[in-house]
Amino acid sequence: MARRICQYLRKLDEGARPWVLTGDVTSHGPDNEPLLVNVKPVAWLGDELLAEAHQRYTERMNAGKSSA
């Protein structure tokens, strides 16, 4: 989940506001994102959650890498 959230962080500079929704998957788009119908908004993703997702993703991506 953290990776997926981080993929969209750059869109925040473009004015996007991340949110969670539910719906019925009808297909998948070019980036394998689900295409939905019967969409219902659930919640906005807050700044604290975005920061935590970024932190977790960064920690996992750097795990096991040599500092040399």
PDB file of N, CA and C in Angstrom:
ATOM      1  N   MET A   1       0.822  -1.183   0.000  1.00  0.00           N
ATOM      2  CA  MET A   1       0.000   0.000   0.000  1.00  0.00           C
ATOM      3  C   MET A   1       0.870   1.253   0.000  1.00  0.00           C
ATOM      4  N   ALA A   2       1.940   1.228   0.811  1.00  0.00           N
ATOM      5  CA  ALA A   2       2.825   2.400   0.880  1.00  0.00           C
ATOM      6  C   ALA A   2       3.423   2.708  -0.492  1.00  0.00           C
ATOM      7  N   ARG A   3       3.816   1.667  -1.222  1.00  0.00           N
ATOM      8  CA  ARG A   3       4.388   1.885  -2.559  1.00  0.00           C
ATOM      9  C   ARG A   3       3.383   2.553  -3.486  1.00  0.00           C
ATOM     10  N   ARG A   4       2.166   2.073  -3.447  1.00  0.00           N
ATOM     11  CA  ARG A   4       1.126   2.629  -4.317  1.00  0.00           C
ATOM     12  C   ARG A   4       0.851   4.093  -3.972  1.00  0.00           C
ATOM     13  N   ILE A   5       0.787   4.390  -2.693  1.00  0.00           N
ATOM     14  CA  ILE A   5       0.566   5.779  -2.266  1.00  0.00           C
ATOM     15  C   ILE A   5       1.710   6.656  -2.741  1.00  0.00           C
ATOM     16  N   CYS A   6       2.945   6.177  -2.578  1.00  0.00           N
ATOM     17  CA  CYS A   6       4.117   6.972  -2.966  1.00  0.00           C
ATOM     18  C   CYS A   6       4.160   7.237  -4.462  1.00  0.00           C
ATOM     19  N   GLN A   7       3.602   6.351  -5.260  1.00  0.00           N
ATOM     20  CA  GLN A   7       3.566   6.573  -6.704  1.00  0.00           C
ATOM     21  C   GLN A   7       2.768   7.823  -7.057  1.00  0.00           C
ATOM     22  N   TYR A   8       1.845   8.182  -6.205  1.00  0.00           N
ATOM     23  CA  TYR A   8       0.978   9.317  -6.507  1.00  0.00           C
ATOM     24  C   TYR A   8       1.376  10.590  -5.781  1.00  0.00           C
ATOM     25  N   LEU A   9       2.410  10.540  -4.942  1.00  0.00           N
ATOM     26  CA  LEU A   9       2.809  11.733  -4.187  1.00  0.00           C
ATOM     27  C   LEU A   9       3.216  12.881  -5.098  1.00  0.00           C
ATOM     28  N   ARG A  10       3.846  12.587  -6.227  1.00  0.00           N
ATOM     29  CA  ARG A  10       4.263  13.665  -7.139  1.00  0.00           C
ATOM     30  C   ARG A  10       3.065  14.420  -7.710  1.00  0.00           C
ATOM     31  N   LYS A  11       1.919  13.774  -7.731  1.00  0.00           N
ATOM     32  CA  LYS A  11       0.723  14.426  -8.256  1.00  0.00           C
ATOM     33  C   LYS A  11       0.170  15.482  -7.294  1.00  0.00           C
ATOM     34  N   LEU A  12       0.621  15.444  -6.045  1.00  0.00           N
ATOM     35  CA  LEU A  12       0.184  16.451  -5.076  1.00  0.00           C
ATOM     36  C   LEU A  12       0.597  17.846  -5.528  1.00  0.00           C
ATOM     37  N   ASP A  13       1.771  17.944  -6.167  1.00  0.00           N
ATOM     38  CA  ASP A  13       2.247  19.231  -6.677  1.00  0.00           C
ATOM     39  C   ASP A  13       1.348  19.750  -7.793  1.00  0.00           C
ATOM     40  N   GLU A  14       0.606  18.869  -8.400  1.00  0.00           N
ATOM     41  CA  GLU A  14      -0.305  19.238  -9.487  1.00  0.00           C
ATOM     42  C   GLU A  14      -1.711  19.528  -8.967  1.00  0.00           C
ATOM     43  N   GLY A  15      -1.865  19.480  -7.629  1.00  0.00           N
ATOM     44  CA  GLY A  15      -3.159  19.796  -7.039  1.00  0.00           C
ATOM     45  C   GLY A  15      -4.032  18.589  -6.739  1.00  0.00           C
ATOM     46  N   ALA A  16      -3.510  17.399  -6.963  1.00  0.00           N
ATOM     47  CA  ALA A  16      -4.292  16.193  -6.676  1.00  0.00           C
ATOM     48  C   ALA A  16      -4.458  16.028  -5.172  1.00  0.00           C
ATOM     49  N   ARG A  17      -5.522  15.382  -4.778  1.00  0.00           N
ATOM     50  CA  ARG A  17      -5.760  15.068  -3.372  1.00  0.00           C
ATOM     51  C   ARG A  17      -6.124  13.588  -3.292  1.00  0.00           C
ATOM     52  N   PRO A  18      -5.235  12.789  -2.682  1.00  0.00           N
ATOM     53  CA  PRO A  18      -5.475  11.341  -2.661  1.00  0.00           C
ATOM     54  C   PRO A  18      -6.648  10.945  -1.777  1.00  0.00           C
ATOM     55  N   TRP A  19      -7.362   9.949  -2.222  1.00  0.00           N
ATOM     56  CA  TRP A  19      -8.533   9.494  -1.485  1.00  0.00           C
ATOM     57  C   TRP A  19      -8.747   8.010  -1.697  1.00  0.00           C
ATOM     58  N   VAL A  20      -9.581   7.444  -0.854  1.00  0.00           N
ATOM     59  CA  VAL A  20      -9.942   6.026  -0.936  1.00  0.00           C
ATOM     60  C   VAL A  20     -11.379   5.955  -1.436  1.00  0.00           C
ATOM     61  N   LEU A  21     -11.613   5.015  -2.319  1.00  0.00           N
ATOM     62  CA  LEU A  21     -12.973   4.821  -2.815  1.00  0.00           C
ATOM     63  C   LEU A  21     -13.239   3.344  -2.966  1.00  0.00           C
ATOM     64  N   THR A  22     -14.471   3.030  -3.180  1.00  0.00           N
ATOM     65  CA  THR A  22     -14.863   1.646  -3.431  1.00  0.00           C
ATOM     66  C   THR A  22     -15.712   1.624  -4.696  1.00  0.00           C
ATOM     67  N   GLY A  23     -15.791   0.488  -5.318  1.00  0.00           N
ATOM     68  CA  GLY A  23     -16.578   0.355  -6.538  1.00  0.00           C
ATOM     69  C   GLY A  23     -16.369  -1.023  -7.129  1.00  0.00           C
ATOM     70  N   ASP A  24     -16.974  -1.242  -8.269  1.00  0.00           N
ATOM     71  CA  ASP A  24     -16.873  -2.517  -8.964  1.00  0.00           C
ATOM     72  C   ASP A  24     -15.850  -2.408 -10.088  1.00  0.00           C
ATOM     73  N   VAL A  25     -14.851  -3.284 -10.064  1.00  0.00           N
ATOM     74  CA  VAL A  25     -13.806  -3.283 -11.095  1.00  0.00           C
ATOM     75  C   VAL A  25     -14.391  -3.813 -12.402  1.00  0.00           C
ATOM     76  N   THR A  26     -14.203  -3.038 -13.478  1.00  0.00           N
ATOM     77  CA  THR A  26     -14.676  -3.471 -14.796  1.00  0.00           C
ATOM     78  C   THR A  26     -13.525  -3.853 -15.715  1.00  0.00           C
ATOM     79  N   SER A  27     -12.348  -3.292 -15.440  1.00  0.00           N
ATOM     80  CA  SER A  27     -11.177  -3.556 -16.263  1.00  0.00           C
ATOM     81  C   SER A  27      -9.965  -2.963 -15.552  1.00  0.00           C
ATOM     82  N   HIS A  28      -8.835  -2.899 -16.266  1.00  0.00           N
ATOM     83  CA  HIS A  28      -7.625  -2.279 -15.742  1.00  0.00           C
ATOM     84  C   HIS A  28      -7.045  -1.352 -16.792  1.00  0.00           C
ATOM     85  N   GLY A  29      -6.486  -0.233 -16.326  1.00  0.00           N
ATOM     86  CA  GLY A  29      -5.906   0.758 -17.220  1.00  0.00           C
ATOM     87  C   GLY A  29      -4.486   0.409 -17.623  1.00  0.00           C
ATOM     88  N   PRO A  30      -3.814   1.311 -18.359  1.00  0.00           N
ATOM     89  CA  PRO A  30      -2.471   1.050 -18.879  1.00  0.00           C
ATOM     90  C   PRO A  30      -1.409   0.845 -17.796  1.00  0.00           C
ATOM     91  N   ASP A  31      -1.621   1.396 -16.611  1.00  0.00           N
ATOM     92  CA  ASP A  31      -0.690   1.199 -15.497  1.00  0.00           C
ATOM     93  C   ASP A  31      -1.206   0.126 -14.540  1.00  0.00           C
ATOM     94  N   ASN A  32      -2.105  -0.697 -15.031  1.00  0.00           N
ATOM     95  CA  ASN A  32      -2.729  -1.777 -14.270  1.00  0.00           C
ATOM     96  C   ASN A  32      -3.608  -1.268 -13.124  1.00  0.00           C
ATOM     97  N   GLU A  33      -3.996   0.006 -13.181  1.00  0.00           N
ATOM     98  CA  GLU A  33      -4.896   0.529 -12.163  1.00  0.00           C
ATOM     99  C   GLU A  33      -6.310   0.028 -12.443  1.00  0.00           C
ATOM    100  N   PRO A  34      -7.064  -0.262 -11.401  1.00  0.00           N
ATOM    101  CA  PRO A  34      -8.430  -0.742 -11.622  1.00  0.00           C
ATOM    102  C   PRO A  34      -9.321   0.372 -12.160  1.00  0.00           C
ATOM    103  N   LEU A  35     -10.133   0.036 -13.123  1.00  0.00           N
ATOM    104  CA  LEU A  35     -11.143   0.953 -13.658  1.00  0.00           C
ATOM    105  C   LEU A  35     -12.471   0.536 -13.035  1.00  0.00           C
ATOM    106  N   LEU A  36     -13.144   1.499 -12.402  1.00  0.00           N
ATOM    107  CA  LEU A  36     -14.313   1.199 -11.586  1.00  0.00           C
ATOM    108  C   LEU A  36     -15.593   1.825 -12.099  1.00  0.00           C
ATOM    109  N   VAL A  37     -16.704   1.198 -11.747  1.00  0.00           N
ATOM    110  CA  VAL A  37     -18.047   1.769 -11.884  1.00  0.00           C
ATOM    111  C   VAL A  37     -18.704   1.670 -10.513  1.00  0.00           C
ATOM    112  N   ASN A  38     -19.817   2.325 -10.346  1.00  0.00           N
ATOM    113  CA  ASN A  38     -20.526   2.343  -9.058  1.00  0.00           C
ATOM    114  C   ASN A  38     -19.603   2.820  -7.932  1.00  0.00           C
ATOM    115  N   VAL A  39     -18.879   3.898  -8.210  1.00  0.00           N
ATOM    116  CA  VAL A  39     -17.870   4.428  -7.294  1.00  0.00           C
ATOM    117  C   VAL A  39     -18.524   5.147  -6.119  1.00  0.00           C
ATOM    118  N   LYS A  40     -17.967   4.880  -4.923  1.00  0.00           N
ATOM    119  CA  LYS A  40     -18.412   5.570  -3.710  1.00  0.00           C
ATOM    120  C   LYS A  40     -17.176   6.037  -2.948  1.00  0.00           C
ATOM    121  N   PRO A  41     -17.060   7.356  -2.679  1.00  0.00           N
ATOM    122  CA  PRO A  41     -15.933   7.851  -1.893  1.00  0.00           C
ATOM    123  C   PRO A  41     -16.002   7.331  -0.464  1.00  0.00           C
ATOM    124  N   VAL A  42     -14.827   7.036   0.103  1.00  0.00           N
ATOM    125  CA  VAL A  42     -14.748   6.538   1.474  1.00  0.00           C
ATOM    126  C   VAL A  42     -14.063   7.570   2.362  1.00  0.00           C
ATOM    127  N   ALA A  43     -12.856   8.027   1.974  1.00  0.00           N
ATOM    128  CA  ALA A  43     -12.111   8.958   2.820  1.00  0.00           C
ATOM    129  C   ALA A  43     -10.989   9.618   2.034  1.00  0.00           C
ATOM    130  N   TRP A  44     -10.592  10.828   2.485  1.00  0.00           N
ATOM    131  CA  TRP A  44      -9.388  11.484   1.992  1.00  0.00           C
ATOM    132  C   TRP A  44      -8.207  10.902   2.748  1.00  0.00           C
ATOM    133  N   LEU A  45      -7.034  10.842   2.108  1.00  0.00           N
ATOM    134  CA  LEU A  45      -5.816  10.428   2.796  1.00  0.00           C
ATOM    135  C   LEU A  45      -5.158  11.677   3.382  1.00  0.00           C
ATOM    136  N   GLY A  46      -4.941  11.673   4.691  1.00  0.00           N
ATOM    137  CA  GLY A  46      -4.385  12.836   5.371  1.00  0.00           C
ATOM    138  C   GLY A  46      -2.876  12.945   5.234  1.00  0.00           C
ATOM    139  N   ASP A  47      -2.363  14.111   5.590  1.00  0.00           N
ATOM    140  CA  ASP A  47      -0.930  14.385   5.493  1.00  0.00           C
ATOM    141  C   ASP A  47      -0.100  13.419   6.338  1.00  0.00           C
ATOM    142  N   GLU A  48      -0.585  13.068   7.527  1.00  0.00           N
ATOM    143  CA  GLU A  48       0.163  12.147   8.388  1.00  0.00           C
ATOM    144  C   GLU A  48       0.287  10.768   7.742  1.00  0.00           C
ATOM    145  N   LEU A  49      -0.775  10.296   7.139  1.00  0.00           N
ATOM    146  CA  LEU A  49      -0.728   8.997   6.469  1.00  0.00           C
ATOM    147  C   LEU A  49       0.224   9.041   5.283  1.00  0.00           C
ATOM    148  N   LEU A  50       0.205  10.125   4.519  1.00  0.00           N
ATOM    149  CA  LEU A  50       1.106  10.250   3.374  1.00  0.00           C
ATOM    150  C   LEU A  50       2.556  10.246   3.827  1.00  0.00           C
ATOM    151  N   ALA A  51       2.850  10.960   4.921  1.00  0.00           N
ATOM    152  CA  ALA A  51       4.214  10.989   5.453  1.00  0.00           C
ATOM    153  C   ALA A  51       4.636   9.605   5.935  1.00  0.00           C
ATOM    154  N   GLU A  52       3.744   8.896   6.601  1.00  0.00           N
ATOM    155  CA  GLU A  52       4.069   7.549   7.083  1.00  0.00           C
ATOM    156  C   GLU A  52       4.297   6.594   5.917  1.00  0.00           C
ATOM    157  N   ALA A  53       3.473   6.681   4.897  1.00  0.00           N
ATOM    158  CA  ALA A  53       3.641   5.822   3.723  1.00  0.00           C
ATOM    159  C   ALA A  53       4.998   6.078   3.080  1.00  0.00           C
ATOM    160  N   HIS A  54       5.373   7.338   2.955  1.00  0.00           N
ATOM    161  CA  HIS A  54       6.669   7.688   2.370  1.00  0.00           C
ATOM    162  C   HIS A  54       7.803   7.133   3.217  1.00  0.00           C
ATOM    163  N   GLN A  55       7.709   7.269   4.522  1.00  0.00           N
ATOM    164  CA  GLN A  55       8.732   6.762   5.432  1.00  0.00           C
ATOM    165  C   GLN A  55       8.857   5.242   5.322  1.00  0.00           C
ATOM    166  N   ARG A  56       7.744   4.546   5.367  1.00  0.00           N
ATOM    167  CA  ARG A  56       7.773   3.076   5.301  1.00  0.00           C
ATOM    168  C   ARG A  56       8.339   2.596   3.969  1.00  0.00           C
ATOM    169  N   TYR A  57       7.923   3.221   2.903  1.00  0.00           N
ATOM    170  CA  TYR A  57       8.409   2.826   1.578  1.00  0.00           C
ATOM    171  C   TYR A  57       9.912   3.055   1.473  1.00  0.00           C
ATOM    172  N   THR A  58      10.378   4.214   1.925  1.00  0.00           N
ATOM    173  CA  THR A  58      11.803   4.528   1.877  1.00  0.00           C
ATOM    174  C   THR A  58      12.611   3.548   2.712  1.00  0.00           C
ATOM    175  N   GLU A  59      12.135   3.236   3.912  1.00  0.00           N
ATOM    176  CA  GLU A  59      12.833   2.280   4.770  1.00  0.00           C
ATOM    177  C   GLU A  59      12.931   0.912   4.110  1.00  0.00           C
ATOM    178  N   ARG A  60      11.872   0.472   3.492  1.00  0.00           N
ATOM    179  CA  ARG A  60      11.872  -0.860   2.879  1.00  0.00           C
ATOM    180  C   ARG A  60      12.757  -0.901   1.633  1.00  0.00           C
ATOM    181  N   MET A  61      12.749   0.179   0.875  1.00  0.00           N
ATOM    182  CA  MET A  61      13.565   0.222  -0.332  1.00  0.00           C
ATOM    183  C   MET A  61      15.055   0.280   0.008  1.00  0.00           C
ATOM    184  N   ASN A  62      15.403   0.862   1.155  1.00  0.00           N
ATOM    185  CA  ASN A  62      16.802   0.970   1.559  1.00  0.00           C
ATOM    186  C   ASN A  62      17.239  -0.225   2.403  1.00  0.00           C
ATOM    187  N   ALA A  63      16.306  -1.068   2.805  1.00  0.00           N
ATOM    188  CA  ALA A  63      16.640  -2.221   3.651  1.00  0.00           C
ATOM    189  C   ALA A  63      17.588  -3.150   2.903  1.00  0.00           C
ATOM    190  N   GLY A  64      18.677  -3.532   3.568  1.00  0.00           N
ATOM    191  CA  GLY A  64      19.614  -4.469   2.991  1.00  0.00           C
ATOM    192  C   GLY A  64      20.615  -3.859   2.026  1.00  0.00           C
ATOM    193  N   LYS A  65      20.500  -2.571   1.744  1.00  0.00           N
ATOM    194  CA  LYS A  65      21.454  -1.927   0.842  1.00  0.00           C
ATOM    195  C   LYS A  65      22.683  -1.514   1.628  1.00  0.00           C
ATOM    196  N   SER A  66      23.807  -1.662   1.016  1.00  0.00           N
ATOM    197  CA  SER A  66      25.063  -1.281   1.643  1.00  0.00           C
ATOM    198  C   SER A  66      25.198   0.230   1.661  1.00  0.00           C
ATOM    199  N   SER A  67      25.766   0.763   2.723  1.00  0.00           N
ATOM    200  CA  SER A  67      25.974   2.204   2.789  1.00  0.00           C
ATOM    201  C   SER A  67      27.291   2.594   2.158  1.00  0.00           C
ATOM    202  N   ALA A  68      28.061   1.607   1.704  1.00  0.00           N
ATOM    203  CA  ALA A  68      29.367   1.877   1.084  1.00  0.00           C
ATOM    204  C   ALA A  68      29.202   2.172  -0.387  1.00  0.00           C
TER     205      ALA A  68
END
